[in-house]
Amino acid sequence: MIFGNKLKEMSIGMVSQRLEEMKDGDTAEYDKTLEMLLLMTEVATHFLKENKEFREKFAEIHAEFIKSPESERVIEESIIAYDNFKEKQETMV
């Protein structure tokens, strides 16, 4: 398992480095990558709608994230956004 984790870390590191290089580089390659990411998002959304096992795993990932200290800022911002949304909805009624 340790080897698998190291391999995963290296892969993530290589992808991160490549994306960082791409950010200021060739716009065509950047656009192609963006297009691929948008397609992956569409596929993930489809699986969320159609596949119970995928939804369960998606929920598992998010539940684990919410437990982490790094999620605190995101949770706070989400609560503020929701409160603003609720307030806006109430003023529209």
Protein backbone atom coordinates (compact mmCIF):
# COMPACT_ATOMS: atom_id res chain seq x y z
CA MET A 1 0.00 0.00 0.00
CA ILE A 2 2.88 2.37 0.75
CA PHE A 3 4.21 1.86 -2.77
CA GLY A 4 0.75 2.57 -4.18
CA ASN A 5 0.52 5.79 -2.17
CA LYS A 6 3.96 6.93 -3.36
CA LEU A 7 3.03 6.15 -6.95
CA LYS A 8 -0.20 8.11 -6.55
CA GLU A 9 1.70 11.07 -5.03
CA MET A 10 4.17 11.06 -7.92
CA SER A 11 1.37 10.93 -10.48
CA ILE A 12 -0.46 13.81 -8.84
CA GLY A 13 2.77 15.76 -8.62
CA MET A 14 3.50 15.25 -12.31
CA VAL A 15 -0.02 16.28 -13.32
CA SER A 16 0.14 19.35 -11.07
CA GLN A 17 3.50 20.35 -12.51
CA ARG A 18 2.24 19.88 -16.06
CA LEU A 19 -0.90 21.95 -15.39
CA GLU A 20 1.21 24.69 -13.81
CA GLU A 21 3.47 24.76 -16.88
CA MET A 22 0.43 24.81 -19.17
CA LYS A 23 -1.16 27.74 -17.33
CA ASP A 24 1.21 30.25 -18.88
CA GLY A 25 1.98 28.31 -22.03
CA ASP A 26 0.19 27.26 -25.19
CA THR A 27 -3.43 28.41 -25.07
CA ALA A 28 -4.52 25.68 -27.50
CA GLU A 29 -3.23 22.98 -25.16
CA TYR A 30 -4.80 24.77 -22.20
CA ASP A 31 -8.13 24.96 -24.04
CA LYS A 32 -7.94 21.26 -24.96
CA THR A 33 -7.32 20.38 -21.30
CA LEU A 34 -10.21 22.57 -20.20
CA GLU A 35 -12.45 20.86 -22.75
CA MET A 36 -11.39 17.46 -21.37
CA LEU A 37 -12.12 18.56 -17.79
CA LEU A 38 -15.56 19.83 -18.79
CA LEU A 39 -16.29 16.50 -20.47
CA MET A 40 -15.17 14.64 -17.34
CA THR A 41 -17.55 16.82 -15.32
CA GLU A 42 -20.41 15.95 -17.66
CA VAL A 43 -19.60 12.25 -17.35
CA ALA A 44 -19.42 12.49 -13.54
CA THR A 45 -22.77 14.32 -13.47
CA HIS A 46 -24.29 11.58 -15.64
CA PHE A 47 -22.99 8.90 -13.28
CA LEU A 48 -24.37 10.82 -10.29
CA LYS A 49 -27.80 10.75 -11.89
CA GLU A 50 -27.66 7.15 -13.10
CA ASN A 51 -25.47 5.09 -10.78
CA LYS A 52 -26.17 4.44 -7.11
CA GLU A 53 -22.67 3.05 -6.43
CA PHE A 54 -21.06 6.18 -7.91
CA ARG A 55 -23.33 8.39 -5.76
CA GLU A 56 -22.35 6.41 -2.67
CA LYS A 57 -18.63 6.81 -3.41
CA PHE A 58 -19.12 10.50 -4.24
CA ALA A 59 -20.90 10.98 -0.90
CA GLU A 60 -18.14 9.06 0.89
CA ILE A 61 -15.47 11.37 -0.52
CA HIS A 62 -17.42 14.47 0.49
CA ALA A 63 -18.20 13.12 3.96
CA GLU A 64 -14.50 12.46 4.49
CA PHE A 65 -13.62 15.96 3.25
CA ILE A 66 -16.12 17.56 5.62
CA LYS A 67 -14.38 15.84 8.54
CA SER A 68 -11.02 17.34 7.63
CA PRO A 69 -9.71 20.62 9.06
CA GLU A 70 -9.11 21.90 5.52
CA SER A 71 -12.84 21.91 4.89
CA GLU A 72 -13.61 24.53 7.54
CA ARG A 73 -13.24 27.53 5.22
CA VAL A 74 -15.31 25.86 2.49
CA ILE A 75 -18.07 24.99 4.95
CA GLU A 76 -18.14 28.53 6.32
CA GLU A 77 -18.31 30.02 2.82
CA SER A 78 -21.07 27.57 1.89
CA ILE A 79 -23.14 28.55 4.93
CA ILE A 80 -22.75 32.24 4.10
CA ALA A 81 -23.71 31.62 0.47
CA TYR A 82 -26.77 29.63 1.58
CA ASP A 83 -27.81 32.33 4.05
CA ASN A 84 -27.48 34.95 1.29
CA PHE A 85 -29.51 32.76 -1.04
CA LYS A 86 -32.24 32.29 1.57
CA GLU A 87 -32.34 36.01 2.28
CA LYS A 88 -32.62 36.80 -1.42
CA GLN A 89 -35.43 34.25 -1.81
CA GLU A 90 -37.33 35.76 1.12
CA THR A 91 -37.11 39.29 -0.30
CA MET A 92 -38.46 38.04 -3.64
CA VAL A 93 -41.64 36.66 -2.03
